[in-house]
Amino acid sequence: MQRTYELMFIVRPDMAEEDLDKLISTLETQVSTAGGTSYRASVVFYDPQVDVAVLYVPGLNMTPLRLAG
């Protein structure tokens, strides 16, 4: 099963964070930008206790979200 997701937020130019529960039971994952471009993605980290997954998205090349600190 393949599913496409809109990104929750960018953590590196080629990495995005997403809710883990959205990724459960998918064999292939794609993300799409607000501009409509789709990219294949793979899960590189997940933590079910906090419901988060980090996706590697080759070619995404977007500006990461700046966090206060």
PDB file of N, CA and C in Angstrom:
ATOM      1  N   MET A   1       0.841  -1.173   0.000  1.00  0.00           N
ATOM      2  CA  MET A   1       0.000   0.000   0.000  1.00  0.00           C
ATOM      3  C   MET A   1       0.888   1.238   0.000  1.00  0.00           C
ATOM      4  N   GLN A   2       0.559   2.190  -0.850  1.00  0.00           N
ATOM      5  CA  GLN A   2       1.299   3.451  -0.908  1.00  0.00           C
ATOM      6  C   GLN A   2       0.391   4.571  -0.435  1.00  0.00           C
ATOM      7  N   ARG A   3       0.947   5.459   0.369  1.00  0.00           N
ATOM      8  CA  ARG A   3       0.199   6.619   0.845  1.00  0.00           C
ATOM      9  C   ARG A   3       1.047   7.858   0.646  1.00  0.00           C
ATOM     10  N   THR A   4       0.383   8.993   0.432  1.00  0.00           N
ATOM     11  CA  THR A   4       1.064  10.271   0.289  1.00  0.00           C
ATOM     12  C   THR A   4       0.649  11.159   1.445  1.00  0.00           C
ATOM     13  N   TYR A   5       1.622  11.861   2.029  1.00  0.00           N
ATOM     14  CA  TYR A   5       1.372  12.720   3.183  1.00  0.00           C
ATOM     15  C   TYR A   5       1.878  14.119   2.920  1.00  0.00           C
ATOM     16  N   GLU A   6       1.190  15.080   3.489  1.00  0.00           N
ATOM     17  CA  GLU A   6       1.739  16.422   3.530  1.00  0.00           C
ATOM     18  C   GLU A   6       2.648  16.470   4.751  1.00  0.00           C
ATOM     19  N   LEU A   7       3.750  17.159   4.617  1.00  0.00           N
ATOM     20  CA  LEU A   7       4.745  17.179   5.683  1.00  0.00           C
ATOM     21  C   LEU A   7       4.264  17.944   6.897  1.00  0.00           C
ATOM     22  N   MET A   8       4.606  17.424   8.084  1.00  0.00           N
ATOM     23  CA  MET A   8       4.308  18.144   9.299  1.00  0.00           C
ATOM     24  C   MET A   8       5.301  19.286   9.463  1.00  0.00           C
ATOM     25  N   PHE A   9       6.607  18.995   9.449  1.00  0.00           N
ATOM     26  CA  PHE A   9       7.614  20.040   9.353  1.00  0.00           C
ATOM     27  C   PHE A   9       8.963  19.473   8.951  1.00  0.00           C
ATOM     28  N   ILE A  10       9.796  20.350   8.399  1.00  0.00           N
ATOM     29  CA  ILE A  10      11.125  19.988   7.908  1.00  0.00           C
ATOM     30  C   ILE A  10      12.122  20.135   9.050  1.00  0.00           C
ATOM     31  N   VAL A  11      12.964  19.105   9.267  1.00  0.00           N
ATOM     32  CA  VAL A  11      13.974  19.175  10.328  1.00  0.00           C
ATOM     33  C   VAL A  11      15.391  19.333   9.766  1.00  0.00           C
ATOM     34  N   ARG A  12      15.580  18.983   8.506  1.00  0.00           N
ATOM     35  CA  ARG A  12      16.805  19.183   7.736  1.00  0.00           C
ATOM     36  C   ARG A  12      16.373  19.352   6.290  1.00  0.00           C
ATOM     37  N   PRO A  13      17.222  19.848   5.421  1.00  0.00           N
ATOM     38  CA  PRO A  13      16.785  20.017   4.034  1.00  0.00           C
ATOM     39  C   PRO A  13      16.249  18.738   3.386  1.00  0.00           C
ATOM     40  N   ASP A  14      16.712  17.573   3.849  1.00  0.00           N
ATOM     41  CA  ASP A  14      16.258  16.315   3.259  1.00  0.00           C
ATOM     42  C   ASP A  14      15.556  15.403   4.277  1.00  0.00           C
ATOM     43  N   MET A  15      15.074  15.981   5.393  1.00  0.00           N
ATOM     44  CA  MET A  15      14.393  15.191   6.414  1.00  0.00           C
ATOM     45  C   MET A  15      13.151  15.920   6.920  1.00  0.00           C
ATOM     46  N   ALA A  16      12.133  15.127   7.218  1.00  0.00           N
ATOM     47  CA  ALA A  16      10.877  15.687   7.705  1.00  0.00           C
ATOM     48  C   ALA A  16      10.377  14.877   8.886  1.00  0.00           C
ATOM     49  N   GLU A  17       9.591  15.509   9.752  1.00  0.00           N
ATOM     50  CA  GLU A  17       8.985  14.841  10.903  1.00  0.00           C
ATOM     51  C   GLU A  17       7.517  14.627  10.600  1.00  0.00           C
ATOM     52  N   GLU A  18       6.983  13.482  11.011  1.00  0.00           N
ATOM     53  CA  GLU A  18       5.584  13.147  10.773  1.00  0.00           C
ATOM     54  C   GLU A  18       5.053  12.332  11.948  1.00  0.00           C
ATOM     55  N   ASP A  19       3.760  12.356  12.136  1.00  0.00           N
ATOM     56  CA  ASP A  19       3.134  11.528  13.162  1.00  0.00           C
ATOM     57  C   ASP A  19       3.289  10.065  12.780  1.00  0.00           C
ATOM     58  N   LEU A  20       3.753   9.258  13.706  1.00  0.00           N
ATOM     59  CA  LEU A  20       3.975   7.843  13.436  1.00  0.00           C
ATOM     60  C   LEU A  20       2.693   7.118  13.081  1.00  0.00           C
ATOM     61  N   ASP A  21       1.583   7.462  13.728  1.00  0.00           N
ATOM     62  CA  ASP A  21       0.338   6.730  13.468  1.00  0.00           C
ATOM     63  C   ASP A  21      -0.119   6.859  12.015  1.00  0.00           C
ATOM     64  N   LYS A  22       0.318   7.887  11.304  1.00  0.00           N
ATOM     65  CA  LYS A  22      -0.021   8.026   9.892  1.00  0.00           C
ATOM     66  C   LYS A  22       0.757   7.052   9.018  1.00  0.00           C
ATOM     67  N   LEU A  23       1.890   6.553   9.533  1.00  0.00           N
ATOM     68  CA  LEU A  23       2.760   5.700   8.730  1.00  0.00           C
ATOM     69  C   LEU A  23       2.556   4.212   8.957  1.00  0.00           C
ATOM     70  N   ILE A  24       1.833   3.861   9.982  1.00  0.00           N
ATOM     71  CA  ILE A  24       1.632   2.451  10.294  1.00  0.00           C
ATOM     72  C   ILE A  24       0.940   1.758   9.121  1.00  0.00           C
ATOM     73  N   SER A  25       1.391   0.591   8.781  1.00  0.00           N
ATOM     74  CA  SER A  25       0.857  -0.284   7.731  1.00  0.00           C
ATOM     75  C   SER A  25       1.082   0.220   6.314  1.00  0.00           C
ATOM     76  N   THR A  26       2.070   1.081   6.090  1.00  0.00           N
ATOM     77  CA  THR A  26       2.387   1.488   4.732  1.00  0.00           C
ATOM     78  C   THR A  26       3.637   0.775   4.263  1.00  0.00           C
ATOM     79  N   LEU A  27       3.656   0.376   3.019  1.00  0.00           N
ATOM     80  CA  LEU A  27       4.835  -0.257   2.442  1.00  0.00           C
ATOM     81  C   LEU A  27       5.705   0.762   1.731  1.00  0.00           C
ATOM     82  N   GLU A  28       5.090   1.743   1.113  1.00  0.00           N
ATOM     83  CA  GLU A  28       5.806   2.818   0.462  1.00  0.00           C
ATOM     84  C   GLU A  28       5.248   4.132   0.971  1.00  0.00           C
ATOM     85  N   THR A  29       6.128   5.106   1.166  1.00  0.00           N
ATOM     86  CA  THR A  29       5.699   6.393   1.692  1.00  0.00           C
ATOM     87  C   THR A  29       6.142   7.493   0.750  1.00  0.00           C
ATOM     88  N   GLN A  30       5.256   8.425   0.511  1.00  0.00           N
ATOM     89  CA  GLN A  30       5.586   9.628  -0.240  1.00  0.00           C
ATOM     90  C   GLN A  30       5.126  10.822   0.573  1.00  0.00           C
ATOM     91  N   VAL A  31       5.817  11.927   0.395  1.00  0.00           N
ATOM     92  CA  VAL A  31       5.384  13.189   0.992  1.00  0.00           C
ATOM     93  C   VAL A  31       5.184  14.180  -0.141  1.00  0.00           C
ATOM     94  N   SER A  32       4.330  15.151   0.090  1.00  0.00           N
ATOM     95  CA  SER A  32       4.123  16.183  -0.925  1.00  0.00           C
ATOM     96  C   SER A  32       4.231  17.549  -0.284  1.00  0.00           C
ATOM     97  N   THR A  33       4.749  18.487  -1.053  1.00  0.00           N
ATOM     98  CA  THR A  33       4.903  19.855  -0.580  1.00  0.00           C
ATOM     99  C   THR A  33       3.620  20.632  -0.844  1.00  0.00           C
ATOM    100  N   ALA A  34       3.539  21.825  -0.274  1.00  0.00           N
ATOM    101  CA  ALA A  34       2.372  22.683  -0.509  1.00  0.00           C
ATOM    102  C   ALA A  34       2.254  23.026  -1.988  1.00  0.00           C
ATOM    103  N   GLY A  35       3.377  23.026  -2.701  1.00  0.00           N
ATOM    104  CA  GLY A  35       3.372  23.309  -4.132  1.00  0.00           C
ATOM    105  C   GLY A  35       2.947  22.141  -4.994  1.00  0.00           C
ATOM    106  N   GLY A  36       2.721  20.972  -4.359  1.00  0.00           N
ATOM    107  CA  GLY A  36       2.230  19.812  -5.089  1.00  0.00           C
ATOM    108  C   GLY A  36       3.279  18.840  -5.578  1.00  0.00           C
ATOM    109  N   THR A  37       4.559  19.087  -5.296  1.00  0.00           N
ATOM    110  CA  THR A  37       5.611  18.154  -5.698  1.00  0.00           C
ATOM    111  C   THR A  37       5.656  16.988  -4.725  1.00  0.00           C
ATOM    112  N   SER A  38       5.720  15.765  -5.255  1.00  0.00           N
ATOM    113  CA  SER A  38       5.776  14.565  -4.419  1.00  0.00           C
ATOM    114  C   SER A  38       7.163  13.948  -4.454  1.00  0.00           C
ATOM    115  N   TYR A  39       7.559  13.370  -3.315  1.00  0.00           N
ATOM    116  CA  TYR A  39       8.865  12.724  -3.162  1.00  0.00           C
ATOM    117  C   TYR A  39       8.681  11.393  -2.451  1.00  0.00           C
ATOM    118  N   ARG A  40       9.483  10.407  -2.841  1.00  0.00           N
ATOM    119  CA  ARG A  40       9.519   9.154  -2.078  1.00  0.00           C
ATOM    120  C   ARG A  40      10.242   9.417  -0.776  1.00  0.00           C
ATOM    121  N   ALA A  41       9.837   8.717   0.265  1.00  0.00           N
ATOM    122  CA  ALA A  41      10.443   8.911   1.585  1.00  0.00           C
ATOM    123  C   ALA A  41      10.613   7.567   2.276  1.00  0.00           C
ATOM    124  N   SER A  42      11.571   7.518   3.184  1.00  0.00           N
ATOM    125  CA  SER A  42      11.751   6.310   3.989  1.00  0.00           C
ATOM    126  C   SER A  42      11.913   6.703   5.450  1.00  0.00           C
ATOM    127  N   VAL A  43      11.379   5.877   6.323  1.00  0.00           N
ATOM    128  CA  VAL A  43      11.458   6.126   7.760  1.00  0.00           C
ATOM    129  C   VAL A  43      12.861   5.780   8.231  1.00  0.00           C
ATOM    130  N   VAL A  44      13.530   6.732   8.901  1.00  0.00           N
ATOM    131  CA  VAL A  44      14.879   6.497   9.420  1.00  0.00           C
ATOM    132  C   VAL A  44      14.897   6.445  10.942  1.00  0.00           C
ATOM    133  N   PHE A  45      13.823   6.893  11.576  1.00  0.00           N
ATOM    134  CA  PHE A  45      13.702   6.845  13.031  1.00  0.00           C
ATOM    135  C   PHE A  45      12.237   6.919  13.392  1.00  0.00           C
ATOM    136  N   TYR A  46      11.850   6.186  14.433  1.00  0.00           N
ATOM    137  CA  TYR A  46      10.497   6.335  14.959  1.00  0.00           C
ATOM    138  C   TYR A  46      10.476   6.028  16.437  1.00  0.00           C
ATOM    139  N   ASP A  47       9.538   6.658  17.140  1.00  0.00           N
ATOM    140  CA  ASP A  47       9.347   6.433  18.567  1.00  0.00           C
ATOM    141  C   ASP A  47       7.852   6.347  18.822  1.00  0.00           C
ATOM    142  N   PRO A  48       7.334   5.149  19.007  1.00  0.00           N
ATOM    143  CA  PRO A  48       5.896   4.993  19.206  1.00  0.00           C
ATOM    144  C   PRO A  48       5.388   5.599  20.512  1.00  0.00           C
ATOM    145  N   GLN A  49       6.263   5.802  21.482  1.00  0.00           N
ATOM    146  CA  GLN A  49       5.813   6.373  22.755  1.00  0.00           C
ATOM    147  C   GLN A  49       5.430   7.845  22.613  1.00  0.00           C
ATOM    148  N   VAL A  50       6.064   8.539  21.692  1.00  0.00           N
ATOM    149  CA  VAL A  50       5.716   9.950  21.479  1.00  0.00           C
ATOM    150  C   VAL A  50       5.069  10.184  20.119  1.00  0.00           C
ATOM    151  N   ASP A  51       4.772   9.083  19.394  1.00  0.00           N
ATOM    152  CA  ASP A  51       4.067   9.136  18.113  1.00  0.00           C
ATOM    153  C   ASP A  51       4.768  10.049  17.109  1.00  0.00           C
ATOM    154  N   VAL A  52       6.051   9.756  16.876  1.00  0.00           N
ATOM    155  CA  VAL A  52       6.815  10.565  15.928  1.00  0.00           C
ATOM    156  C   VAL A  52       7.667   9.663  15.037  1.00  0.00           C
ATOM    157  N   ALA A  53       7.805  10.082  13.792  1.00  0.00           N
ATOM    158  CA  ALA A  53       8.689   9.408  12.851  1.00  0.00           C
ATOM    159  C   ALA A  53       9.472  10.470  12.099  1.00  0.00           C
ATOM    160  N   VAL A  54      10.731  10.155  11.772  1.00  0.00           N
ATOM    161  CA  VAL A  54      11.550  11.038  10.960  1.00  0.00           C
ATOM    162  C   VAL A  54      11.739  10.351   9.618  1.00  0.00           C
ATOM    163  N   LEU A  55      11.475  11.093   8.553  1.00  0.00           N
ATOM    164  CA  LEU A  55      11.548  10.557   7.202  1.00  0.00           C
ATOM    165  C   LEU A  55      12.732  11.144   6.457  1.00  0.00           C
ATOM    166  N   TYR A  56      13.471  10.286   5.741  1.00  0.00           N
ATOM    167  CA  TYR A  56      14.497  10.749   4.818  1.00  0.00           C
ATOM    168  C   TYR A  56      13.817  10.949   3.469  1.00  0.00           C
ATOM    169  N   VAL A  57      13.946  12.161   2.924  1.00  0.00           N
ATOM    170  CA  VAL A  57      13.257  12.514   1.687  1.00  0.00           C
ATOM    171  C   VAL A  57      14.296  13.042   0.689  1.00  0.00           C
ATOM    172  N   PRO A  58      14.936  12.147  -0.081  1.00  0.00           N
ATOM    173  CA  PRO A  58      15.965  12.579  -1.027  1.00  0.00           C
ATOM    174  C   PRO A  58      15.409  13.590  -2.034  1.00  0.00           C
ATOM    175  N   GLY A  59      16.172  14.670  -2.248  1.00  0.00           N
ATOM    176  CA  GLY A  59      15.772  15.671  -3.223  1.00  0.00           C
ATOM    177  C   GLY A  59      14.842  16.737  -2.686  1.00  0.00           C
ATOM    178  N   LEU A  60      14.394  16.624  -1.456  1.00  0.00           N
ATOM    179  CA  LEU A  60      13.436  17.584  -0.908  1.00  0.00           C
ATOM    180  C   LEU A  60      14.029  18.988  -0.859  1.00  0.00           C
ATOM    181  N   ASN A  61      15.215  19.130  -0.280  1.00  0.00           N
ATOM    182  CA  ASN A  61      15.960  20.386  -0.268  1.00  0.00           C
ATOM    183  C   ASN A  61      15.122  21.604   0.137  1.00  0.00           C
ATOM    184  N   MET A  62      14.454  21.506   1.274  1.00  0.00           N
ATOM    185  CA  MET A  62      13.651  22.608   1.797  1.00  0.00           C
ATOM    186  C   MET A  62      14.313  23.194   3.049  1.00  0.00           C
ATOM    187  N   THR A  63      13.967  24.413   3.371  1.00  0.00           N
ATOM    188  CA  THR A  63      14.509  25.079   4.545  1.00  0.00           C
ATOM    189  C   THR A  63      13.885  24.492   5.814  1.00  0.00           C
ATOM    190  N   PRO A  64      14.710  24.056   6.772  1.00  0.00           N
ATOM    191  CA  PRO A  64      14.182  23.492   8.010  1.00  0.00           C
ATOM    192  C   PRO A  64      13.428  24.529   8.840  1.00  0.00           C
ATOM    193  N   LEU A  65      12.510  24.055   9.638  1.00  0.00           N
ATOM    194  CA  LEU A  65      11.785  24.905  10.575  1.00  0.00           C
ATOM    195  C   LEU A  65      12.766  25.403  11.629  1.00  0.00           C
ATOM    196  N   ARG A  66      12.762  26.691  11.927  1.00  0.00           N
ATOM    197  CA  ARG A  66      13.626  27.248  12.967  1.00  0.00           C
ATOM    198  C   ARG A  66      12.893  27.175  14.291  1.00  0.00           C
ATOM    199  N   LEU A  67      13.519  26.545  15.258  1.00  0.00           N
ATOM    200  CA  LEU A  67      12.925  26.410  16.594  1.00  0.00           C
ATOM    201  C   LEU A  67      13.498  27.467  17.515  1.00  0.00           C
ATOM    202  N   ALA A  68      12.681  27.989  18.393  1.00  0.00           N
ATOM    203  CA  ALA A  68      13.144  28.980  19.362  1.00  0.00           C
ATOM    204  C   ALA A  68      14.092  28.319  20.348  1.00  0.00           C
ATOM    205  N   GLY A  69      15.021  29.050  20.847  1.00  0.00           N
ATOM    206  CA  GLY A  69      15.908  28.445  21.793  1.00  0.00           C
ATOM    207  C   GLY A  69      17.034  29.301  22.096  1.00  0.00           C
TER     208      GLY A  69
END
